[in-house]
Amino acid sequence: MSLHADLSSMQSTLDQVLVRVSEASEVVRGTDRDDLLGDLYDIERSLQMAQRRLRRALDAAASLDPS
C-alpha cells in the first residue's frame, strides 16, 4: 500500500471518530455532566487539529507516490 493510500485510510477513520465524538457530545449536552462534556469538546478539538495535520501530510505524501 502506498503512503498516500495509507494516510488516506487514516483520514477516513479519523473522520468517522470525529463524527462519533460529536454525537457523544450531543448526548451529554443538556445534562449535568459538564465535566464530561468539556472532555468531549477537548477531544473534538484535538481530533480536528489532527485532521488538519493529516490533510497536510496527505498533500505532502502525494508528491512521494509514483504516478
N, C-alpha and C. Protein backbone atom coordinates (compact mmCIF):
# COMPACT_ATOMS: atom_id res chain seq x y z
N MET A 1 0.86 -1.18 0.00
CA MET A 1 0.00 0.00 0.00
C MET A 1 0.90 1.23 0.00
N SER A 2 0.52 2.21 -0.78
CA SER A 2 1.32 3.43 -0.85
C SER A 2 1.11 4.27 0.41
N LEU A 3 2.05 5.14 0.66
CA LEU A 3 1.95 6.04 1.80
C LEU A 3 0.68 6.89 1.70
N HIS A 4 0.41 7.42 0.52
CA HIS A 4 -0.77 8.27 0.34
C HIS A 4 -2.04 7.48 0.63
N ALA A 5 -2.12 6.24 0.15
CA ALA A 5 -3.30 5.41 0.39
C ALA A 5 -3.46 5.11 1.87
N ASP A 6 -2.34 4.84 2.53
CA ASP A 6 -2.38 4.55 3.97
C ASP A 6 -2.86 5.77 4.76
N LEU A 7 -2.31 6.94 4.44
CA LEU A 7 -2.73 8.16 5.12
C LEU A 7 -4.18 8.49 4.81
N SER A 8 -4.60 8.22 3.61
CA SER A 8 -6.00 8.45 3.22
C SER A 8 -6.94 7.57 4.04
N SER A 9 -6.53 6.34 4.26
CA SER A 9 -7.32 5.42 5.09
C SER A 9 -7.41 5.93 6.52
N MET A 10 -6.28 6.45 7.03
CA MET A 10 -6.28 7.02 8.38
C MET A 10 -7.21 8.23 8.45
N GLN A 11 -7.20 9.04 7.40
CA GLN A 11 -8.06 10.22 7.36
C GLN A 11 -9.53 9.81 7.44
N SER A 12 -9.88 8.78 6.71
CA SER A 12 -11.25 8.29 6.73
C SER A 12 -11.65 7.81 8.13
N THR A 13 -10.76 7.07 8.77
CA THR A 13 -11.02 6.59 10.13
C THR A 13 -11.15 7.76 11.10
N LEU A 14 -10.26 8.74 10.96
CA LEU A 14 -10.31 9.92 11.83
C LEU A 14 -11.61 10.69 11.64
N ASP A 15 -12.06 10.80 10.40
CA ASP A 15 -13.34 11.46 10.12
C ASP A 15 -14.48 10.75 10.86
N GLN A 16 -14.46 9.42 10.83
CA GLN A 16 -15.51 8.65 11.50
C GLN A 16 -15.45 8.82 13.01
N VAL A 17 -14.26 8.82 13.57
CA VAL A 17 -14.10 9.00 15.02
C VAL A 17 -14.59 10.38 15.43
N LEU A 18 -14.27 11.39 14.62
CA LEU A 18 -14.71 12.75 14.92
C LEU A 18 -16.23 12.84 14.94
N VAL A 19 -16.89 12.19 14.01
CA VAL A 19 -18.36 12.17 13.99
C VAL A 19 -18.90 11.50 15.25
N ARG A 20 -18.28 10.40 15.65
CA ARG A 20 -18.75 9.69 16.84
C ARG A 20 -18.57 10.50 18.12
N VAL A 21 -17.46 11.23 18.22
CA VAL A 21 -17.24 12.07 19.39
C VAL A 21 -18.26 13.21 19.41
N SER A 22 -18.53 13.77 18.25
CA SER A 22 -19.52 14.84 18.15
C SER A 22 -20.91 14.33 18.56
N GLU A 23 -21.24 13.13 18.12
CA GLU A 23 -22.53 12.54 18.51
C GLU A 23 -22.58 12.30 20.02
N ALA A 24 -21.48 11.86 20.61
CA ALA A 24 -21.43 11.65 22.06
C ALA A 24 -21.64 12.98 22.79
N SER A 25 -21.07 14.06 22.25
CA SER A 25 -21.26 15.39 22.85
C SER A 25 -22.73 15.78 22.84
N GLU A 26 -23.40 15.46 21.75
CA GLU A 26 -24.84 15.77 21.65
C GLU A 26 -25.63 15.04 22.73
N VAL A 27 -25.26 13.80 23.01
CA VAL A 27 -25.96 13.02 24.03
C VAL A 27 -25.76 13.65 25.41
N VAL A 28 -24.56 14.13 25.68
CA VAL A 28 -24.23 14.65 27.00
C VAL A 28 -24.72 16.09 27.19
N ARG A 29 -24.78 16.84 26.07
CA ARG A 29 -25.20 18.25 26.15
C ARG A 29 -26.60 18.31 26.78
N GLY A 30 -26.79 19.24 27.69
CA GLY A 30 -28.08 19.40 28.35
C GLY A 30 -28.21 18.60 29.64
N THR A 31 -27.19 17.80 29.94
CA THR A 31 -27.21 17.07 31.21
C THR A 31 -26.38 17.86 32.22
N ASP A 32 -26.27 17.30 33.41
CA ASP A 32 -25.48 17.98 34.44
C ASP A 32 -24.01 17.52 34.42
N ARG A 33 -23.59 16.87 33.35
CA ARG A 33 -22.23 16.36 33.25
C ARG A 33 -21.33 17.29 32.44
N ASP A 34 -21.18 18.51 32.95
CA ASP A 34 -20.32 19.50 32.28
C ASP A 34 -18.87 19.03 32.20
N ASP A 35 -18.44 18.25 33.19
CA ASP A 35 -17.07 17.73 33.17
C ASP A 35 -16.85 16.82 31.96
N LEU A 36 -17.79 15.93 31.72
CA LEU A 36 -17.70 15.01 30.59
C LEU A 36 -17.83 15.76 29.27
N LEU A 37 -18.73 16.71 29.23
CA LEU A 37 -18.91 17.49 28.01
C LEU A 37 -17.64 18.28 27.68
N GLY A 38 -17.02 18.85 28.71
CA GLY A 38 -15.76 19.56 28.50
C GLY A 38 -14.68 18.65 27.94
N ASP A 39 -14.59 17.44 28.48
CA ASP A 39 -13.61 16.47 27.98
C ASP A 39 -13.89 16.13 26.51
N LEU A 40 -15.16 15.90 26.19
CA LEU A 40 -15.52 15.57 24.81
C LEU A 40 -15.19 16.72 23.86
N TYR A 41 -15.42 17.95 24.29
CA TYR A 41 -15.08 19.11 23.46
C TYR A 41 -13.56 19.18 23.26
N ASP A 42 -12.80 18.91 24.31
CA ASP A 42 -11.33 18.91 24.19
C ASP A 42 -10.87 17.84 23.21
N ILE A 43 -11.46 16.67 23.31
CA ILE A 43 -11.13 15.58 22.39
C ILE A 43 -11.47 15.98 20.96
N GLU A 44 -12.64 16.58 20.78
CA GLU A 44 -13.06 17.00 19.44
C GLU A 44 -12.08 18.02 18.86
N ARG A 45 -11.66 18.99 19.65
CA ARG A 45 -10.69 19.98 19.17
C ARG A 45 -9.36 19.32 18.80
N SER A 46 -8.91 18.39 19.61
CA SER A 46 -7.66 17.70 19.32
C SER A 46 -7.76 16.88 18.04
N LEU A 47 -8.88 16.23 17.86
CA LEU A 47 -9.08 15.45 16.63
C LEU A 47 -9.15 16.34 15.40
N GLN A 48 -9.77 17.50 15.54
CA GLN A 48 -9.84 18.43 14.42
C GLN A 48 -8.44 18.92 14.05
N MET A 49 -7.61 19.17 15.06
CA MET A 49 -6.23 19.58 14.80
C MET A 49 -5.47 18.45 14.11
N ALA A 50 -5.66 17.23 14.58
CA ALA A 50 -5.01 16.08 13.96
C ALA A 50 -5.50 15.91 12.52
N GLN A 51 -6.77 16.16 12.29
CA GLN A 51 -7.34 16.06 10.95
C GLN A 51 -6.67 17.05 9.99
N ARG A 52 -6.49 18.29 10.44
CA ARG A 52 -5.82 19.30 9.61
C ARG A 52 -4.38 18.89 9.31
N ARG A 53 -3.68 18.40 10.31
CA ARG A 53 -2.28 18.00 10.10
C ARG A 53 -2.19 16.79 9.19
N LEU A 54 -3.13 15.88 9.31
CA LEU A 54 -3.14 14.71 8.45
C LEU A 54 -3.43 15.10 7.01
N ARG A 55 -4.30 16.08 6.80
CA ARG A 55 -4.55 16.58 5.43
C ARG A 55 -3.27 17.15 4.83
N ARG A 56 -2.50 17.90 5.63
CA ARG A 56 -1.23 18.44 5.14
C ARG A 56 -0.26 17.31 4.79
N ALA A 57 -0.23 16.29 5.64
CA ALA A 57 0.63 15.15 5.37
C ALA A 57 0.19 14.42 4.09
N LEU A 58 -1.10 14.32 3.89
CA LEU A 58 -1.62 13.71 2.67
C LEU A 58 -1.15 14.48 1.45
N ASP A 59 -1.24 15.78 1.50
CA ASP A 59 -0.79 16.61 0.38
C ASP A 59 0.70 16.40 0.13
N ALA A 60 1.48 16.35 1.18
CA ALA A 60 2.92 16.16 1.04
C ALA A 60 3.24 14.77 0.51
N ALA A 61 2.49 13.76 0.94
CA ALA A 61 2.75 12.39 0.52
C ALA A 61 2.39 12.17 -0.94
N ALA A 62 1.49 12.98 -1.46
CA ALA A 62 1.10 12.82 -2.86
C ALA A 62 2.30 12.98 -3.78
N SER A 63 3.26 13.81 -3.39
CA SER A 63 4.44 14.01 -4.23
C SER A 63 5.43 12.85 -4.13
N LEU A 64 5.28 12.00 -3.13
CA LEU A 64 6.20 10.87 -2.96
C LEU A 64 5.78 9.63 -3.75
N ASP A 65 4.49 9.49 -3.97
CA ASP A 65 3.99 8.30 -4.66
C ASP A 65 4.21 8.42 -6.17
N PRO A 66 4.72 7.36 -6.76
CA PRO A 66 4.90 7.39 -8.22
C PRO A 66 3.55 7.45 -8.92
N SER A 67 3.49 8.15 -10.03
CA SER A 67 2.23 8.29 -10.79
C SER A 67 1.93 7.08 -11.61
